[in-house]
Amino acid sequence: MAASEERGTAAERDNRQAIVLAAASEIVRNGVRGLRVEEVAAAAGVSPALLYYHFESRAGVVRAALEHASEQAPSTALRSAPAGGTGYEALEAALLGELSDDEDVRQAAIVWGEVSASAVFDPELRGAVRKVTEEWRAEVADAIRAGIADGSVREGVEPDTAADILISLVDGLLTRWLAGALDRDDAHRLLRRALERSIRRGD
């Protein structure tokens, strides 16, 4: 491949990433309904035409922002085997990490919540929400299986069902926390108690 072609490919990747980051920031500031393609393009330093070159539609931009937010989530740590800990400990740390004051994590949670809520009214977004939710559920279910194997999660727990329940709980706690209806420490306490009662193996 010629050097000019390599630069062009790198420039395209950079432009696409800039658009995704700008879209995520716009969603954090103004929500999905307040997102304007022209403002996203301006923030990314590209033209609207170039934005549409990378993404077919406004919904495509929003879907990409959701996928980016999903990749920033602490639960992605579950894709790697726990280093020196148990499956239960890895799962607890990852799920508690979703309720974090870290700015990047908080912004990713806002994007997730905004796009999920908008999908109720916008069928174009539902497939993306389902996809990232299924990926999250699979990561949690695999951590539960690892916990069963190492003895930190009690036998008899059905991993997929438990994962569905836990991510639904975290999703609800996130919504309440971001809306100011629940303190983070209280959210952590509730989540710890739910984990202990639902899957942790007793001593």
N, C-alpha and C. Protein backbone atom coordinates (compact mmCIF):
# COMPACT_ATOMS: atom_id res chain seq x y z
N MET A 1 0.85 -1.19 0.00
CA MET A 1 0.00 0.00 0.00
C MET A 1 0.88 1.24 0.00
N ALA A 2 0.53 2.21 -0.82
CA ALA A 2 1.30 3.44 -0.91
C ALA A 2 1.18 4.23 0.37
N ALA A 3 2.21 5.08 0.64
CA ALA A 3 2.21 5.89 1.87
C ALA A 3 1.01 6.82 1.90
N SER A 4 0.63 7.38 0.75
CA SER A 4 -0.51 8.30 0.71
C SER A 4 -1.79 7.59 1.07
N GLU A 5 -1.93 6.31 0.65
CA GLU A 5 -3.11 5.54 0.97
C GLU A 5 -3.16 5.24 2.47
N GLU A 6 -1.99 4.94 3.06
CA GLU A 6 -1.94 4.68 4.49
C GLU A 6 -2.36 5.92 5.27
N ARG A 7 -1.87 7.11 4.83
CA ARG A 7 -2.24 8.35 5.51
C ARG A 7 -3.73 8.60 5.38
N GLY A 8 -4.26 8.31 4.18
CA GLY A 8 -5.68 8.52 3.98
C GLY A 8 -6.51 7.64 4.88
N THR A 9 -6.10 6.38 5.03
CA THR A 9 -6.82 5.47 5.90
C THR A 9 -6.75 5.93 7.35
N ALA A 10 -5.57 6.37 7.78
CA ALA A 10 -5.42 6.88 9.14
C ALA A 10 -6.26 8.12 9.35
N ALA A 11 -6.29 9.00 8.35
CA ALA A 11 -7.09 10.22 8.46
C ALA A 11 -8.57 9.88 8.56
N GLU A 12 -9.02 8.90 7.80
CA GLU A 12 -10.42 8.49 7.88
C GLU A 12 -10.76 7.94 9.26
N ARG A 13 -9.84 7.14 9.81
CA ARG A 13 -10.07 6.63 11.16
C ARG A 13 -10.13 7.75 12.18
N ASP A 14 -9.23 8.71 12.03
CA ASP A 14 -9.22 9.85 12.96
C ASP A 14 -10.49 10.66 12.85
N ASN A 15 -10.95 10.89 11.63
CA ASN A 15 -12.18 11.66 11.44
C ASN A 15 -13.38 10.93 12.04
N ARG A 16 -13.44 9.64 11.81
CA ARG A 16 -14.56 8.86 12.35
C ARG A 16 -14.56 8.90 13.87
N GLN A 17 -13.37 8.73 14.46
CA GLN A 17 -13.28 8.76 15.91
C GLN A 17 -13.65 10.14 16.46
N ALA A 18 -13.23 11.18 15.78
CA ALA A 18 -13.57 12.54 16.22
C ALA A 18 -15.08 12.77 16.19
N ILE A 19 -15.74 12.23 15.18
CA ILE A 19 -17.19 12.37 15.07
C ILE A 19 -17.88 11.61 16.21
N VAL A 20 -17.41 10.41 16.49
CA VAL A 20 -18.02 9.61 17.56
C VAL A 20 -17.87 10.31 18.91
N LEU A 21 -16.68 10.82 19.18
CA LEU A 21 -16.44 11.51 20.45
C LEU A 21 -17.27 12.78 20.56
N ALA A 22 -17.38 13.51 19.44
CA ALA A 22 -18.19 14.73 19.45
C ALA A 22 -19.66 14.40 19.66
N ALA A 23 -20.13 13.32 19.06
CA ALA A 23 -21.53 12.92 19.23
C ALA A 23 -21.80 12.52 20.67
N ALA A 24 -20.88 11.77 21.28
CA ALA A 24 -21.05 11.38 22.67
C ALA A 24 -21.10 12.60 23.58
N SER A 25 -20.22 13.56 23.33
CA SER A 25 -20.21 14.79 24.14
C SER A 25 -21.49 15.57 23.96
N GLU A 26 -21.99 15.60 22.74
CA GLU A 26 -23.24 16.33 22.48
C GLU A 26 -24.42 15.66 23.19
N ILE A 27 -24.44 14.34 23.21
CA ILE A 27 -25.51 13.62 23.92
C ILE A 27 -25.43 13.90 25.41
N VAL A 28 -24.22 13.94 25.96
CA VAL A 28 -24.05 14.23 27.39
C VAL A 28 -24.58 15.62 27.71
N ARG A 29 -24.33 16.56 26.82
CA ARG A 29 -24.76 17.95 27.08
C ARG A 29 -26.25 18.16 26.84
N ASN A 30 -26.76 17.62 25.75
CA ASN A 30 -28.11 17.99 25.32
C ASN A 30 -29.06 16.82 25.12
N GLY A 31 -28.61 15.59 25.36
CA GLY A 31 -29.47 14.45 25.15
C GLY A 31 -29.55 14.07 23.68
N VAL A 32 -30.14 12.92 23.42
CA VAL A 32 -30.26 12.46 22.04
C VAL A 32 -31.17 13.38 21.23
N ARG A 33 -32.27 13.80 21.83
CA ARG A 33 -33.20 14.66 21.10
C ARG A 33 -32.60 16.01 20.76
N GLY A 34 -31.63 16.45 21.57
CA GLY A 34 -30.99 17.74 21.31
C GLY A 34 -29.79 17.65 20.40
N LEU A 35 -29.44 16.44 19.95
CA LEU A 35 -28.27 16.29 19.09
C LEU A 35 -28.55 16.83 17.71
N ARG A 36 -27.67 17.69 17.22
CA ARG A 36 -27.77 18.25 15.87
C ARG A 36 -26.53 17.83 15.08
N VAL A 37 -26.76 17.23 13.93
CA VAL A 37 -25.66 16.71 13.12
C VAL A 37 -24.67 17.81 12.77
N GLU A 38 -25.17 18.99 12.46
CA GLU A 38 -24.28 20.09 12.09
C GLU A 38 -23.36 20.47 13.24
N GLU A 39 -23.88 20.44 14.47
CA GLU A 39 -23.08 20.79 15.64
C GLU A 39 -22.05 19.70 15.93
N VAL A 40 -22.43 18.46 15.72
CA VAL A 40 -21.48 17.36 15.89
C VAL A 40 -20.34 17.48 14.89
N ALA A 41 -20.68 17.75 13.64
CA ALA A 41 -19.66 17.90 12.60
C ALA A 41 -18.72 19.06 12.93
N ALA A 42 -19.27 20.17 13.37
CA ALA A 42 -18.44 21.33 13.71
C ALA A 42 -17.51 21.01 14.87
N ALA A 43 -18.03 20.34 15.88
CA ALA A 43 -17.21 19.98 17.04
C ALA A 43 -16.10 19.01 16.66
N ALA A 44 -16.39 18.15 15.68
CA ALA A 44 -15.40 17.16 15.23
C ALA A 44 -14.41 17.75 14.23
N GLY A 45 -14.69 18.96 13.75
CA GLY A 45 -13.82 19.60 12.78
C GLY A 45 -13.94 19.04 11.38
N VAL A 46 -15.14 18.53 11.05
CA VAL A 46 -15.40 18.00 9.71
C VAL A 46 -16.66 18.64 9.15
N SER A 47 -16.88 18.43 7.87
CA SER A 47 -18.10 18.93 7.25
C SER A 47 -19.24 17.96 7.47
N PRO A 48 -20.49 18.45 7.40
CA PRO A 48 -21.62 17.52 7.49
C PRO A 48 -21.55 16.43 6.41
N ALA A 49 -21.06 16.79 5.23
CA ALA A 49 -20.96 15.80 4.16
C ALA A 49 -20.00 14.68 4.53
N LEU A 50 -18.88 15.04 5.17
CA LEU A 50 -17.93 14.02 5.59
C LEU A 50 -18.51 13.16 6.71
N LEU A 51 -19.29 13.78 7.59
CA LEU A 51 -19.95 13.01 8.64
C LEU A 51 -20.86 11.95 8.02
N TYR A 52 -21.63 12.36 7.01
CA TYR A 52 -22.54 11.40 6.37
C TYR A 52 -21.79 10.38 5.51
N TYR A 53 -20.53 10.70 5.15
CA TYR A 53 -19.71 9.72 4.45
C TYR A 53 -19.40 8.54 5.39
N HIS A 54 -19.16 8.85 6.65
CA HIS A 54 -18.83 7.81 7.62
C HIS A 54 -20.07 7.16 8.22
N PHE A 55 -21.15 7.92 8.34
CA PHE A 55 -22.37 7.42 8.97
C PHE A 55 -23.56 7.76 8.07
N GLU A 56 -24.38 6.78 7.81
CA GLU A 56 -25.46 6.97 6.84
C GLU A 56 -26.51 7.97 7.29
N SER A 57 -26.67 8.12 8.60
CA SER A 57 -27.78 8.93 9.10
C SER A 57 -27.46 9.44 10.50
N ARG A 58 -28.33 10.29 11.00
CA ARG A 58 -28.21 10.76 12.38
C ARG A 58 -28.28 9.58 13.35
N ALA A 59 -29.18 8.64 13.07
CA ALA A 59 -29.28 7.46 13.92
C ALA A 59 -27.98 6.66 13.93
N GLY A 60 -27.29 6.62 12.79
CA GLY A 60 -26.02 5.93 12.72
C GLY A 60 -24.97 6.57 13.62
N VAL A 61 -24.99 7.88 13.69
CA VAL A 61 -24.08 8.61 14.58
C VAL A 61 -24.39 8.27 16.03
N VAL A 62 -25.67 8.26 16.37
CA VAL A 62 -26.08 7.95 17.75
C VAL A 62 -25.70 6.52 18.10
N ARG A 63 -25.90 5.59 17.19
CA ARG A 63 -25.54 4.19 17.45
C ARG A 63 -24.04 4.06 17.71
N ALA A 64 -23.25 4.79 16.93
CA ALA A 64 -21.80 4.73 17.12
C ALA A 64 -21.40 5.31 18.47
N ALA A 65 -22.07 6.35 18.90
CA ALA A 65 -21.80 6.92 20.23
C ALA A 65 -22.14 5.93 21.32
N LEU A 66 -23.22 5.19 21.14
CA LEU A 66 -23.60 4.17 22.12
C LEU A 66 -22.55 3.06 22.17
N GLU A 67 -22.10 2.60 21.03
CA GLU A 67 -21.10 1.54 20.99
C GLU A 67 -19.80 2.01 21.66
N HIS A 68 -19.45 3.27 21.41
CA HIS A 68 -18.25 3.83 22.06
C HIS A 68 -18.44 3.86 23.58
N ALA A 69 -19.60 4.31 24.04
CA ALA A 69 -19.87 4.36 25.48
C ALA A 69 -19.80 2.98 26.09
N SER A 70 -20.32 1.99 25.37
CA SER A 70 -20.29 0.61 25.86
C SER A 70 -18.87 0.12 26.05
N GLU A 71 -17.97 0.52 25.15
CA GLU A 71 -16.57 0.10 25.25
C GLU A 71 -15.84 0.80 26.40
N GLN A 72 -16.39 1.89 26.91
CA GLN A 72 -15.77 2.60 28.04
C GLN A 72 -16.25 2.06 29.38
N ALA A 73 -17.25 1.21 29.36
CA ALA A 73 -17.87 0.74 30.59
C ALA A 73 -16.93 -0.18 31.37
N PRO A 74 -16.93 -0.06 32.71
CA PRO A 74 -16.07 -0.92 33.54
C PRO A 74 -16.31 -2.41 33.34
N SER A 75 -17.50 -2.79 32.93
CA SER A 75 -17.79 -4.22 32.75
C SER A 75 -16.95 -4.86 31.66
N THR A 76 -16.35 -4.05 30.79
CA THR A 76 -15.49 -4.65 29.75
C THR A 76 -14.28 -5.34 30.38
N ALA A 77 -13.95 -5.01 31.63
CA ALA A 77 -12.84 -5.69 32.32
C ALA A 77 -13.13 -7.17 32.50
N LEU A 78 -14.40 -7.56 32.45
CA LEU A 78 -14.77 -8.96 32.63
C LEU A 78 -14.37 -9.83 31.45
N ARG A 79 -13.95 -9.21 30.36
CA ARG A 79 -13.52 -9.99 29.20
C ARG A 79 -12.19 -10.69 29.47
N SER A 80 -11.45 -10.20 30.47
CA SER A 80 -10.17 -10.82 30.83
C SER A 80 -10.34 -11.63 32.11
N ALA A 81 -9.56 -12.67 32.23
CA ALA A 81 -9.61 -13.49 33.43
C ALA A 81 -9.18 -12.65 34.63
N PRO A 82 -9.85 -12.82 35.78
CA PRO A 82 -9.47 -12.04 36.96
C PRO A 82 -8.03 -12.31 37.38
N ALA A 83 -7.30 -11.23 37.70
CA ALA A 83 -5.90 -11.37 38.09
C ALA A 83 -5.80 -11.52 39.60
N GLY A 84 -5.64 -12.75 40.06
CA GLY A 84 -5.44 -12.98 41.47
C GLY A 84 -6.69 -12.93 42.33
N GLY A 85 -7.85 -12.79 41.73
CA GLY A 85 -9.09 -12.75 42.49
C GLY A 85 -10.05 -13.82 42.02
N THR A 86 -11.23 -13.80 42.59
CA THR A 86 -12.25 -14.78 42.20
C THR A 86 -13.19 -14.19 41.15
N GLY A 87 -13.98 -15.06 40.56
CA GLY A 87 -14.97 -14.59 39.60
C GLY A 87 -15.97 -13.64 40.26
N TYR A 88 -16.37 -13.96 41.48
CA TYR A 88 -17.31 -13.10 42.21
C TYR A 88 -16.70 -11.73 42.45
N GLU A 89 -15.45 -11.68 42.88
CA GLU A 89 -14.78 -10.40 43.15
C GLU A 89 -14.65 -9.56 41.89
N ALA A 90 -14.33 -10.21 40.78
CA ALA A 90 -14.22 -9.49 39.51
C ALA A 90 -15.56 -8.91 39.10
N LEU A 91 -16.61 -9.71 39.27
CA LEU A 91 -17.95 -9.26 38.90
C LEU A 91 -18.40 -8.11 39.79
N GLU A 92 -18.19 -8.24 41.09
CA GLU A 92 -18.59 -7.18 42.01
C GLU A 92 -17.87 -5.87 41.68
N ALA A 93 -16.56 -5.94 41.44
CA ALA A 93 -15.79 -4.74 41.13
C ALA A 93 -16.27 -4.08 39.84
N ALA A 94 -16.56 -4.91 38.83
CA ALA A 94 -16.99 -4.37 37.54
C ALA A 94 -18.35 -3.69 37.64
N LEU A 95 -19.29 -4.33 38.32
CA LEU A 95 -20.64 -3.76 38.41
C LEU A 95 -20.66 -2.53 39.31
N LEU A 96 -19.92 -2.56 40.41
CA LEU A 96 -19.82 -1.36 41.24
C LEU A 96 -19.15 -0.23 40.47
N GLY A 97 -18.20 -0.60 39.61
CA GLY A 97 -17.51 0.41 38.80
C GLY A 97 -18.42 1.15 37.85
N GLU A 98 -19.54 0.53 37.47
CA GLU A 98 -20.49 1.20 36.59
C GLU A 98 -21.10 2.43 37.26
N LEU A 99 -21.12 2.42 38.59
CA LEU A 99 -21.65 3.53 39.38
C LEU A 99 -20.47 4.29 39.96
N SER A 100 -19.75 4.99 39.10
CA SER A 100 -18.51 5.65 39.48
C SER A 100 -18.58 7.15 39.21
N ASP A 101 -17.88 7.91 40.06
CA ASP A 101 -17.79 9.35 39.85
C ASP A 101 -16.73 9.72 38.82
N ASP A 102 -15.98 8.73 38.33
CA ASP A 102 -15.02 9.01 37.27
C ASP A 102 -15.76 9.64 36.09
N GLU A 103 -15.24 10.75 35.59
CA GLU A 103 -15.97 11.52 34.59
C GLU A 103 -16.23 10.73 33.31
N ASP A 104 -15.25 9.97 32.85
CA ASP A 104 -15.44 9.19 31.62
C ASP A 104 -16.52 8.13 31.81
N VAL A 105 -16.50 7.46 32.96
CA VAL A 105 -17.49 6.42 33.23
C VAL A 105 -18.88 7.04 33.35
N ARG A 106 -18.95 8.16 34.05
CA ARG A 106 -20.24 8.83 34.22
C ARG A 106 -20.81 9.28 32.88
N GLN A 107 -19.95 9.84 32.02
CA GLN A 107 -20.43 10.29 30.72
C GLN A 107 -20.89 9.12 29.86
N ALA A 108 -20.16 8.01 29.93
CA ALA A 108 -20.58 6.82 29.18
C ALA A 108 -21.93 6.33 29.67
N ALA A 109 -22.16 6.40 30.98
CA ALA A 109 -23.45 5.98 31.54
C ALA A 109 -24.57 6.90 31.08
N ILE A 110 -24.28 8.18 30.96
CA ILE A 110 -25.30 9.13 30.47
C ILE A 110 -25.67 8.81 29.02
N VAL A 111 -24.66 8.56 28.20
CA VAL A 111 -24.93 8.21 26.80
C VAL A 111 -25.78 6.94 26.74
N TRP A 112 -25.39 5.93 27.52
CA TRP A 112 -26.15 4.68 27.55
C TRP A 112 -27.61 4.93 27.93
N GLY A 113 -27.81 5.67 28.99
CA GLY A 113 -29.17 5.93 29.46
C GLY A 113 -29.98 6.73 28.46
N GLU A 114 -29.36 7.72 27.85
CA GLU A 114 -30.05 8.57 26.89
C GLU A 114 -30.47 7.79 25.64
N VAL A 115 -29.55 7.00 25.11
CA VAL A 115 -29.86 6.25 23.89
C VAL A 115 -30.90 5.18 24.18
N SER A 116 -30.79 4.53 25.32
CA SER A 116 -31.78 3.51 25.70
C SER A 116 -33.16 4.10 25.81
N ALA A 117 -33.26 5.26 26.46
CA ALA A 117 -34.56 5.92 26.60
C ALA A 117 -35.11 6.35 25.25
N SER A 118 -34.24 6.84 24.38
CA SER A 118 -34.69 7.29 23.06
C SER A 118 -35.15 6.13 22.19
N ALA A 119 -34.59 4.94 22.42
CA ALA A 119 -34.97 3.78 21.63
C ALA A 119 -36.43 3.39 21.85
N VAL A 120 -37.01 3.83 22.96
CA VAL A 120 -38.44 3.58 23.19
C VAL A 120 -39.27 4.21 22.07
N PHE A 121 -38.80 5.35 21.58
CA PHE A 121 -39.54 6.10 20.56
C PHE A 121 -38.93 6.00 19.16
N ASP A 122 -37.72 5.47 19.07
CA ASP A 122 -37.01 5.43 17.79
C ASP A 122 -36.59 4.00 17.46
N PRO A 123 -37.34 3.31 16.61
CA PRO A 123 -37.01 1.91 16.27
C PRO A 123 -35.62 1.75 15.68
N GLU A 124 -35.07 2.80 15.06
CA GLU A 124 -33.75 2.71 14.46
C GLU A 124 -32.66 2.46 15.49
N LEU A 125 -32.93 2.79 16.74
CA LEU A 125 -31.91 2.65 17.79
C LEU A 125 -32.05 1.33 18.55
N ARG A 126 -33.16 0.65 18.39
CA ARG A 126 -33.42 -0.52 19.23
C ARG A 126 -32.44 -1.65 19.00
N GLY A 127 -32.07 -1.87 17.77
CA GLY A 127 -31.13 -2.95 17.48
C GLY A 127 -29.79 -2.72 18.16
N ALA A 128 -29.31 -1.48 18.15
CA ALA A 128 -28.03 -1.16 18.78
C ALA A 128 -28.11 -1.34 20.28
N VAL A 129 -29.22 -0.92 20.88
CA VAL A 129 -29.39 -1.09 22.32
C VAL A 129 -29.43 -2.57 22.68
N ARG A 130 -30.15 -3.35 21.89
CA ARG A 130 -30.21 -4.79 22.14
C ARG A 130 -28.82 -5.41 22.02
N LYS A 131 -28.06 -5.02 21.02
CA LYS A 131 -26.73 -5.60 20.78
C LYS A 131 -25.80 -5.35 21.97
N VAL A 132 -25.70 -4.09 22.42
CA VAL A 132 -24.77 -3.81 23.52
C VAL A 132 -25.27 -4.42 24.83
N THR A 133 -26.59 -4.51 24.98
CA THR A 133 -27.14 -5.15 26.18
C THR A 133 -26.79 -6.63 26.21
N GLU A 134 -26.93 -7.29 25.06
CA GLU A 134 -26.60 -8.71 24.99
C GLU A 134 -25.11 -8.96 25.24
N GLU A 135 -24.27 -8.05 24.78
CA GLU A 135 -22.84 -8.18 25.03
C GLU A 135 -22.55 -8.03 26.52
N TRP A 136 -23.20 -7.06 27.16
CA TRP A 136 -23.02 -6.85 28.59
C TRP A 136 -23.49 -8.08 29.38
N ARG A 137 -24.65 -8.59 29.01
CA ARG A 137 -25.18 -9.77 29.69
C ARG A 137 -24.22 -10.95 29.54
N ALA A 138 -23.65 -11.14 28.37
CA ALA A 138 -22.73 -12.25 28.14
C ALA A 138 -21.48 -12.12 29.00
N GLU A 139 -20.96 -10.89 29.14
CA GLU A 139 -19.78 -10.67 29.97
C GLU A 139 -20.07 -11.00 31.44
N VAL A 140 -21.23 -10.57 31.91
CA VAL A 140 -21.61 -10.84 33.30
C VAL A 140 -21.85 -12.33 33.50
N ALA A 141 -22.52 -12.96 32.56
CA ALA A 141 -22.79 -14.40 32.67
C ALA A 141 -21.49 -15.20 32.69
N ASP A 142 -20.51 -14.80 31.89
CA ASP A 142 -19.23 -15.51 31.88
C ASP A 142 -18.51 -15.34 33.21
N ALA A 143 -18.62 -14.15 33.82
CA ALA A 143 -18.00 -13.95 35.14
C ALA A 143 -18.68 -14.83 36.19
N ILE A 144 -19.98 -14.98 36.08
CA ILE A 144 -20.70 -15.85 37.01
C ILE A 144 -20.24 -17.29 36.83
N ARG A 145 -20.08 -17.73 35.59
CA ARG A 145 -19.59 -19.09 35.34
C ARG A 145 -18.19 -19.29 35.94
N ALA A 146 -17.34 -18.25 35.79
CA ALA A 146 -16.00 -18.34 36.38
C ALA A 146 -16.10 -18.45 37.89
N GLY A 147 -17.06 -17.73 38.48
CA GLY A 147 -17.25 -17.79 39.92
C GLY A 147 -17.75 -19.15 40.38
N ILE A 148 -18.62 -19.75 39.60
CA ILE A 148 -19.08 -21.11 39.93
C ILE A 148 -17.91 -22.07 39.87
N ALA A 149 -17.06 -21.92 38.85
CA ALA A 149 -15.92 -22.82 38.69
C ALA A 149 -14.92 -22.69 39.82
N ASP A 150 -14.72 -21.45 40.33
CA ASP A 150 -13.72 -21.29 41.40
C ASP A 150 -14.33 -21.35 42.80
N GLY A 151 -15.65 -21.55 42.86
CA GLY A 151 -16.30 -21.73 44.15
C GLY A 151 -16.75 -20.47 44.84
N SER A 152 -16.58 -19.30 44.19
CA SER A 152 -16.99 -18.05 44.83
C SER A 152 -18.47 -17.73 44.60
N VAL A 153 -19.06 -18.35 43.59
CA VAL A 153 -20.49 -18.22 43.32
C VAL A 153 -21.13 -19.57 43.63
N ARG A 154 -22.25 -19.53 44.30
CA ARG A 154 -22.86 -20.78 44.75
C ARG A 154 -23.38 -21.62 43.57
N GLU A 155 -23.34 -22.89 43.77
CA GLU A 155 -23.85 -23.81 42.76
C GLU A 155 -25.36 -23.66 42.64
N GLY A 156 -25.87 -23.93 41.45
CA GLY A 156 -27.29 -23.82 41.22
C GLY A 156 -27.72 -22.50 40.62
N VAL A 157 -26.82 -21.52 40.61
CA VAL A 157 -27.13 -20.24 39.97
C VAL A 157 -27.12 -20.44 38.46
N GLU A 158 -28.15 -19.97 37.79
CA GLU A 158 -28.21 -20.06 36.33
C GLU A 158 -27.59 -18.77 35.78
N PRO A 159 -26.41 -18.86 35.15
CA PRO A 159 -25.65 -17.66 34.79
C PRO A 159 -26.40 -16.65 33.93
N ASP A 160 -27.08 -17.11 32.89
CA ASP A 160 -27.74 -16.15 31.99
C ASP A 160 -28.89 -15.44 32.68
N THR A 161 -29.67 -16.18 33.46
CA THR A 161 -30.79 -15.56 34.17
C THR A 161 -30.28 -14.58 35.22
N ALA A 162 -29.26 -15.00 35.99
CA ALA A 162 -28.70 -14.11 37.01
C ALA A 162 -28.10 -12.86 36.37
N ALA A 163 -27.46 -13.02 35.22
CA ALA A 163 -26.88 -11.87 34.53
C ALA A 163 -27.96 -10.90 34.10
N ASP A 164 -29.06 -11.41 33.57
CA ASP A 164 -30.17 -10.53 33.17
C ASP A 164 -30.69 -9.72 34.36
N ILE A 165 -30.84 -10.39 35.50
CA ILE A 165 -31.35 -9.72 36.69
C ILE A 165 -30.36 -8.66 37.16
N LEU A 166 -29.09 -8.99 37.18
CA LEU A 166 -28.08 -8.06 37.70
C LEU A 166 -27.91 -6.84 36.81
N ILE A 167 -27.89 -7.03 35.49
CA ILE A 167 -27.71 -5.84 34.64
C ILE A 167 -28.97 -4.98 34.65
N SER A 168 -30.12 -5.60 34.84
CA SER A 168 -31.34 -4.80 34.97
C SER A 168 -31.30 -3.97 36.25
N LEU A 169 -30.78 -4.57 37.31
CA LEU A 169 -30.64 -3.84 38.57
C LEU A 169 -29.67 -2.67 38.42
N VAL A 170 -28.52 -2.94 37.83
CA VAL A 170 -27.53 -1.88 37.65
C VAL A 170 -28.09 -0.78 36.77
N ASP A 171 -28.80 -1.15 35.72
CA ASP A 171 -29.42 -0.18 34.83
C ASP A 171 -30.38 0.74 35.60
N GLY A 172 -31.20 0.15 36.45
CA GLY A 172 -32.14 0.94 37.24
C GLY A 172 -31.44 1.83 38.25
N LEU A 173 -30.40 1.30 38.90
CA LEU A 173 -29.65 2.10 39.86
C LEU A 173 -28.94 3.26 39.16
N LEU A 174 -28.41 3.00 37.98
CA LEU A 174 -27.76 4.07 37.21
C LEU A 174 -28.74 5.20 36.90
N THR A 175 -29.93 4.83 36.48
CA THR A 175 -30.93 5.85 36.14
C THR A 175 -31.25 6.71 37.35
N ARG A 176 -31.47 6.07 38.49
CA ARG A 176 -31.81 6.82 39.70
C ARG A 176 -30.63 7.67 40.17
N TRP A 177 -29.43 7.13 40.07
CA TRP A 177 -28.24 7.87 40.50
C TRP A 177 -28.00 9.09 39.62
N LEU A 178 -28.04 8.89 38.31
CA LEU A 178 -27.80 10.01 37.39
C LEU A 178 -28.87 11.08 37.51
N ALA A 179 -30.08 10.68 37.87
CA ALA A 179 -31.18 11.64 38.03
C ALA A 179 -31.14 12.33 39.39
N GLY A 180 -30.21 11.94 40.25
CA GLY A 180 -30.11 12.55 41.56
C GLY A 180 -31.09 12.01 42.57
N ALA A 181 -31.72 10.87 42.25
CA ALA A 181 -32.70 10.29 43.16
C ALA A 181 -32.10 9.27 44.12
N LEU A 182 -30.80 9.00 43.96
CA LEU A 182 -30.15 8.00 44.79
C LEU A 182 -28.67 8.37 44.92
N ASP A 183 -28.15 8.34 46.14
CA ASP A 183 -26.73 8.58 46.34
C ASP A 183 -25.92 7.40 45.84
N ARG A 184 -24.70 7.69 45.39
CA ARG A 184 -23.86 6.61 44.89
C ARG A 184 -23.57 5.57 45.96
N ASP A 185 -23.29 6.01 47.19
CA ASP A 185 -22.99 5.06 48.25
C ASP A 185 -24.18 4.14 48.53
N ASP A 186 -25.39 4.70 48.47
CA ASP A 186 -26.58 3.88 48.67
C ASP A 186 -26.75 2.89 47.51
N ALA A 187 -26.45 3.35 46.30
CA ALA A 187 -26.53 2.47 45.13
C ALA A 187 -25.54 1.31 45.29
N HIS A 188 -24.34 1.62 45.73
CA HIS A 188 -23.34 0.57 45.95
C HIS A 188 -23.80 -0.41 47.02
N ARG A 189 -24.38 0.11 48.09
CA ARG A 189 -24.85 -0.76 49.18
C ARG A 189 -25.94 -1.71 48.68
N LEU A 190 -26.87 -1.18 47.91
CA LEU A 190 -27.96 -2.01 47.38
C LEU A 190 -27.42 -3.08 46.43
N LEU A 191 -26.47 -2.69 45.60
CA LEU A 191 -25.92 -3.64 44.64
C LEU A 191 -25.13 -4.73 45.34
N ARG A 192 -24.33 -4.36 46.33
CA ARG A 192 -23.59 -5.37 47.09
C ARG A 192 -24.53 -6.38 47.75
N ARG A 193 -25.60 -5.84 48.34
CA ARG A 193 -26.54 -6.73 49.02
C ARG A 193 -27.21 -7.67 48.02
N ALA A 194 -27.56 -7.14 46.85
CA ALA A 194 -28.20 -7.99 45.84
C ALA A 194 -27.25 -9.09 45.37
N LEU A 195 -25.99 -8.74 45.18
CA LEU A 195 -25.01 -9.75 44.75
C LEU A 195 -24.83 -10.82 45.82
N GLU A 196 -24.73 -10.39 47.06
CA GLU A 196 -24.54 -11.35 48.15
C GLU A 196 -25.72 -12.32 48.25
N ARG A 197 -26.90 -11.78 48.16
CA ARG A 197 -28.09 -12.61 48.36
C ARG A 197 -28.41 -13.49 47.15
N SER A 198 -28.03 -13.04 45.97
CA SER A 198 -28.46 -13.78 44.78
C SER A 198 -27.44 -14.79 44.27
N ILE A 199 -26.14 -14.49 44.42
CA ILE A 199 -25.18 -15.42 43.80
C ILE A 199 -23.98 -15.80 44.67
N ARG A 200 -23.70 -15.02 45.70
CA ARG A 200 -22.47 -15.31 46.45
C ARG A 200 -22.58 -16.61 47.24
N ARG A 201 -21.52 -17.35 47.21
CA ARG A 201 -21.48 -18.59 47.98
C ARG A 201 -21.22 -18.27 49.46
N GLY A 202 -22.01 -18.82 50.34
CA GLY A 202 -21.81 -18.58 51.77
C GLY A 202 -20.60 -19.31 52.29
N ASP A 203 -20.03 -18.76 53.35
CA ASP A 203 -18.84 -19.39 53.95
C ASP A 203 -19.24 -20.65 54.73
